[in-house]
Amino acid sequence: MQLFGRSRELHALAESFADSARGNGRLVIITGGPGSGKTQLVHEFLTTLNRTSAHILTGTVSSAERDQPLGLVRQLLRNAEAECAISHHPLPAAGSPAENRRPWDPGPDALPGSPGEGAAEALLHLTHDDRPLVVAVDDAHAMDAASLRTIVHLLRRSRSRRVLVVCATSGHFGEIRSAAHTELLRQPHRRVRLAPLSEASVGELLAAQAGRPLPDSVRSAYHRATAGSPLLVHAL
């Protein structure tokens, strides 16, 4: 789906990436209700990075995996392993003994109850070639506690490194009361909130789908019926 009415949000992400690429680690938290376009916004932003040298790691969290320790981290480390294979720089194992484990396996040192330092250090290895690292997490509100501890450690270790972490969350991230989420929110971050689309943006979306501008009355009717939800506009 084409992105409409999100130029300001894309600009905020681009600014954060530019800042992180100068060696200032950054965290951006994207908030918005279901169907507000968070996944699409992240996808569009990452597409703009294709012309840069950035390492890009993505992970999507499922609520069904909330009780599976390090489910997200394993996704990220598998992606990191693939990045290293392309660049011919082996990813160090995220724990010891390394000889008994695949490089992306976090190992016993990263089990629940530990901060996942080994996994975070393995991710940081991608910054050793001076290329920026972007870690994008969709549905971060459903992240398991062990993965969150790893992300927090990554953020703490990357404040003077070329690292950008983007977390897209459904609803209000601050309403989640776990200690791990509270700790993540304590990290310096930039909040990007996706508000409903304006009537003008709904009109642009409709015109793109119809292949021609539609009457103002149609635009207004769609905006009222969908409350500016991109998902509902597309569905109708």
Protein backbone atom coordinates (compact mmCIF):
# COMPACT_ATOMS: atom_id res chain seq x y z
CA MET A 1 0.00 0.00 0.00
CA GLN A 2 1.15 3.50 -0.84
CA LEU A 3 1.80 5.80 2.11
CA PHE A 4 -0.27 8.98 2.46
CA GLY A 5 -0.24 11.77 5.01
CA ARG A 6 2.91 10.61 6.79
CA SER A 7 5.60 12.93 5.40
CA ARG A 8 6.21 14.50 8.81
CA GLU A 9 6.68 11.10 10.44
CA LEU A 10 9.01 9.93 7.65
CA HIS A 11 11.03 13.10 8.10
CA ALA A 12 11.35 12.44 11.83
CA LEU A 13 12.68 8.94 11.13
CA ALA A 14 15.09 10.28 8.51
CA GLU A 15 16.37 12.87 10.99
CA SER A 16 16.92 10.20 13.62
CA PHE A 17 18.80 8.02 11.15
CA ALA A 18 21.01 10.92 10.08
CA ASP A 19 21.78 11.68 13.72
CA SER A 20 22.58 8.05 14.49
CA ALA A 21 24.80 7.82 11.41
CA ARG A 22 26.93 10.57 12.95
CA GLY A 23 27.65 8.34 15.93
CA ASN A 24 24.74 9.24 18.20
CA GLY A 25 22.77 6.10 19.02
CA ARG A 26 19.05 6.72 18.83
CA LEU A 27 15.76 5.04 19.80
CA VAL A 28 12.50 5.94 18.07
CA ILE A 29 9.18 4.63 19.40
CA ILE A 30 6.29 4.72 16.92
CA THR A 31 2.84 4.58 18.51
CA GLY A 32 -0.59 4.29 16.98
CA GLY A 33 -3.75 2.26 17.11
CA PRO A 34 -4.48 -0.83 15.01
CA GLY A 35 -4.64 0.01 11.31
CA SER A 36 -2.91 3.38 11.70
CA GLY A 37 -0.13 2.40 9.30
CA LYS A 38 2.82 1.71 11.64
CA THR A 39 4.06 -1.31 9.69
CA GLN A 40 3.71 0.54 6.40
CA LEU A 41 5.56 3.57 7.78
CA VAL A 42 8.48 1.43 8.95
CA HIS A 43 8.59 -0.40 5.61
CA GLU A 44 8.61 2.88 3.68
CA PHE A 45 11.36 4.27 5.91
CA LEU A 46 13.54 1.19 5.51
CA THR A 47 13.03 1.38 1.74
CA THR A 48 14.56 4.85 1.76
CA LEU A 49 17.67 3.36 3.38
CA ASN A 50 18.32 1.01 0.47
CA ARG A 51 20.52 3.67 -1.10
CA THR A 52 22.65 3.92 2.06
CA SER A 53 25.28 1.54 3.39
CA ALA A 54 23.29 0.74 6.54
CA HIS A 55 22.97 -2.74 7.97
CA ILE A 56 19.22 -3.30 8.39
CA LEU A 57 17.83 -5.90 10.80
CA THR A 58 14.08 -6.41 11.14
CA GLY A 59 11.93 -8.42 13.48
CA THR A 60 8.20 -8.85 13.98
CA VAL A 61 6.85 -9.90 17.34
CA SER A 62 3.74 -12.04 17.81
CA SER A 63 1.70 -11.99 21.01
CA ALA A 64 1.80 -15.79 20.85
CA GLU A 65 5.58 -15.61 21.30
CA ARG A 66 5.51 -13.42 24.41
CA ASP A 67 6.30 -16.45 26.60
CA GLN A 68 9.10 -17.66 24.32
CA PRO A 69 12.36 -16.15 25.64
CA LEU A 70 14.46 -14.32 23.06
CA GLY A 71 12.13 -15.00 20.16
CA LEU A 72 12.76 -11.54 18.71
CA VAL A 73 16.50 -11.66 19.40
CA ARG A 74 16.81 -14.91 17.48
CA GLN A 75 15.16 -13.26 14.48
CA LEU A 76 17.59 -10.35 14.65
CA LEU A 77 20.64 -12.58 15.07
CA ARG A 78 19.65 -14.73 12.11
CA ASN A 79 19.39 -11.56 10.03
CA ALA A 80 22.73 -10.39 11.39
CA GLU A 81 24.32 -13.71 10.49
CA ALA A 82 23.07 -13.30 6.92
CA GLU A 83 24.46 -9.74 6.81
CA CYS A 84 27.84 -10.98 7.97
CA ALA A 85 27.84 -13.76 5.39
CA ILE A 86 27.31 -11.17 2.66
CA SER A 87 30.08 -8.91 3.99
CA HIS A 88 32.39 -11.86 4.82
CA HIS A 89 32.72 -10.76 8.46
CA PRO A 90 31.72 -13.69 10.68
CA LEU A 91 29.28 -12.85 13.46
CA PRO A 92 30.75 -13.79 16.85
CA ALA A 93 28.72 -16.24 18.90
CA ALA A 94 26.52 -14.58 21.50
CA GLY A 95 27.78 -16.72 24.36
CA SER A 96 30.12 -19.57 25.16
CA PRO A 97 31.10 -22.19 24.35
CA ALA A 98 30.71 -21.03 20.75
CA GLU A 99 31.89 -24.26 19.15
CA ASN A 100 28.71 -26.07 20.16
CA ARG A 101 26.27 -23.53 18.81
CA ARG A 102 25.27 -21.78 15.63
CA PRO A 103 26.48 -18.15 15.59
CA TRP A 104 22.98 -16.74 15.95
CA ASP A 105 22.02 -18.90 18.97
CA PRO A 106 22.06 -16.60 22.05
CA GLY A 107 23.08 -19.47 24.29
CA PRO A 108 22.79 -19.96 28.05
CA ASP A 109 24.18 -16.57 29.01
CA ALA A 110 21.17 -14.89 27.42
CA LEU A 111 18.41 -16.91 29.06
CA PRO A 112 15.72 -15.13 31.12
CA GLY A 113 17.23 -13.61 34.24
CA SER A 114 20.30 -12.31 32.39
CA PRO A 115 20.51 -9.03 30.46
CA GLY A 116 21.25 -10.78 27.17
CA GLU A 117 24.59 -9.00 26.93
CA GLY A 118 26.11 -11.59 24.60
CA ALA A 119 23.30 -11.21 22.08
CA ALA A 120 23.53 -7.42 22.16
CA GLU A 121 27.29 -7.52 21.67
CA ALA A 122 26.83 -9.83 18.68
CA LEU A 123 24.48 -7.29 17.11
CA LEU A 124 26.91 -4.46 17.83
CA HIS A 125 29.57 -6.41 15.92
CA LEU A 126 27.86 -5.17 12.74
CA THR A 127 29.00 -1.63 13.52
CA HIS A 128 32.68 -2.61 13.42
CA ASP A 129 32.87 -1.78 9.70
CA ASP A 130 31.64 1.77 10.42
CA ARG A 131 28.38 1.18 8.57
CA PRO A 132 25.24 2.36 10.41
CA LEU A 133 23.07 -0.30 12.04
CA VAL A 134 19.28 -0.02 11.97
CA VAL A 135 17.18 -2.40 14.09
CA ALA A 136 13.44 -2.20 13.35
CA VAL A 137 10.96 -4.06 15.56
CA ASP A 138 7.28 -4.29 14.61
CA ASP A 139 4.66 -4.93 17.32
CA ALA A 140 7.29 -4.28 19.97
CA HIS A 141 4.62 -4.10 22.68
CA ALA A 142 4.43 -7.92 22.51
CA MET A 143 8.18 -8.41 22.96
CA ASP A 144 9.25 -11.05 25.48
CA ALA A 145 11.06 -9.80 28.57
CA ALA A 146 14.41 -11.39 27.67
CA SER A 147 14.41 -9.73 24.23
CA LEU A 148 13.55 -6.40 25.82
CA ARG A 149 16.49 -6.70 28.21
CA THR A 150 18.72 -7.37 25.22
CA ILE A 151 17.41 -4.31 23.37
CA VAL A 152 17.94 -2.14 26.46
CA HIS A 153 21.52 -3.37 26.74
CA LEU A 154 22.04 -2.66 23.04
CA LEU A 155 20.78 0.89 23.54
CA ARG A 156 23.04 1.48 26.52
CA ARG A 157 26.08 0.24 24.62
CA SER A 158 25.30 2.22 21.47
CA ARG A 159 24.89 5.78 22.73
CA SER A 160 28.07 6.81 20.92
CA ARG A 161 27.73 4.38 18.03
CA ARG A 162 26.02 4.48 14.66
CA VAL A 163 22.91 2.61 15.79
CA LEU A 164 19.21 3.38 15.33
CA VAL A 165 16.53 1.26 16.99
CA VAL A 166 12.93 1.74 15.80
CA CYS A 167 10.12 0.14 17.82
CA ALA A 168 6.58 0.22 16.42
CA THR A 169 3.94 -0.38 19.09
CA SER A 170 0.19 -0.73 19.09
CA GLY A 171 -1.73 1.61 21.37
CA HIS A 172 0.00 3.53 24.12
CA PHE A 173 3.37 1.99 24.92
CA GLY A 174 3.41 3.56 28.39
CA GLU A 175 0.30 1.61 29.39
CA ILE A 176 2.31 -1.63 29.46
CA ARG A 177 3.44 -2.04 33.04
CA SER A 178 6.20 -4.66 32.91
CA ALA A 179 9.52 -3.66 34.41
CA ALA A 180 11.30 -4.33 31.11
CA HIS A 181 9.02 -1.98 29.16
CA THR A 182 9.40 0.67 31.82
CA GLU A 183 13.16 0.36 31.51
CA LEU A 184 12.97 0.77 27.72
CA LEU A 185 10.91 3.92 28.09
CA ARG A 186 13.53 5.29 30.46
CA GLN A 187 16.05 5.27 27.63
CA PRO A 188 16.39 8.54 25.72
CA HIS A 189 14.00 8.27 22.80
CA ARG A 190 11.96 10.14 20.22
CA ARG A 191 8.23 9.47 20.07
CA VAL A 192 6.47 9.39 16.70
CA ARG A 193 2.70 9.19 17.07
CA LEU A 194 0.52 8.24 14.13
CA ALA A 195 -2.67 10.29 14.29
CA PRO A 196 -5.68 9.52 12.06
CA LEU A 197 -5.36 10.72 8.49
CA SER A 198 -6.71 14.17 7.71
CA GLU A 199 -9.59 14.53 5.29
CA ALA A 200 -7.15 15.82 2.67
CA SER A 201 -4.93 12.74 3.05
CA VAL A 202 -7.94 10.46 2.79
CA GLY A 203 -8.80 12.27 -0.44
CA GLU A 204 -5.29 11.67 -1.80
CA LEU A 205 -5.53 7.99 -0.94
CA LEU A 206 -8.91 7.65 -2.63
CA ALA A 207 -7.70 9.50 -5.73
CA ALA A 208 -4.72 7.16 -6.00
CA GLN A 209 -6.96 4.11 -5.77
CA ALA A 210 -9.58 5.46 -8.18
CA GLY A 211 -7.05 6.89 -10.61
CA ARG A 212 -8.76 10.29 -10.52
CA PRO A 213 -9.78 12.93 -7.96
CA LEU A 214 -13.12 12.24 -6.28
CA PRO A 215 -15.75 14.81 -5.28
CA ASP A 216 -15.32 16.51 -1.92
CA SER A 217 -18.54 14.93 -0.70
CA VAL A 218 -17.12 11.44 -1.28
CA ARG A 219 -13.87 12.35 0.46
CA SER A 220 -15.78 13.72 3.46
CA ALA A 221 -18.01 10.65 3.64
CA TYR A 222 -15.05 8.28 3.65
CA HIS A 223 -13.27 10.34 6.29
CA ARG A 224 -16.31 10.29 8.57
CA ALA A 225 -16.91 6.56 8.04
CA THR A 226 -13.32 5.53 8.71
CA ALA A 227 -12.25 8.17 11.27
CA GLY A 228 -9.09 8.56 9.20
CA SER A 229 -7.91 4.96 9.59
CA PRO A 230 -5.74 4.03 6.56
CA LEU A 231 -6.67 0.37 6.96
CA LEU A 232 -10.40 1.10 6.85
CA VAL A 233 -10.06 3.48 3.90
CA HIS A 234 -8.27 0.77 1.92
CA ALA A 235 -10.85 -1.81 3.02
CA LEU A 236 -13.78 0.33 1.85
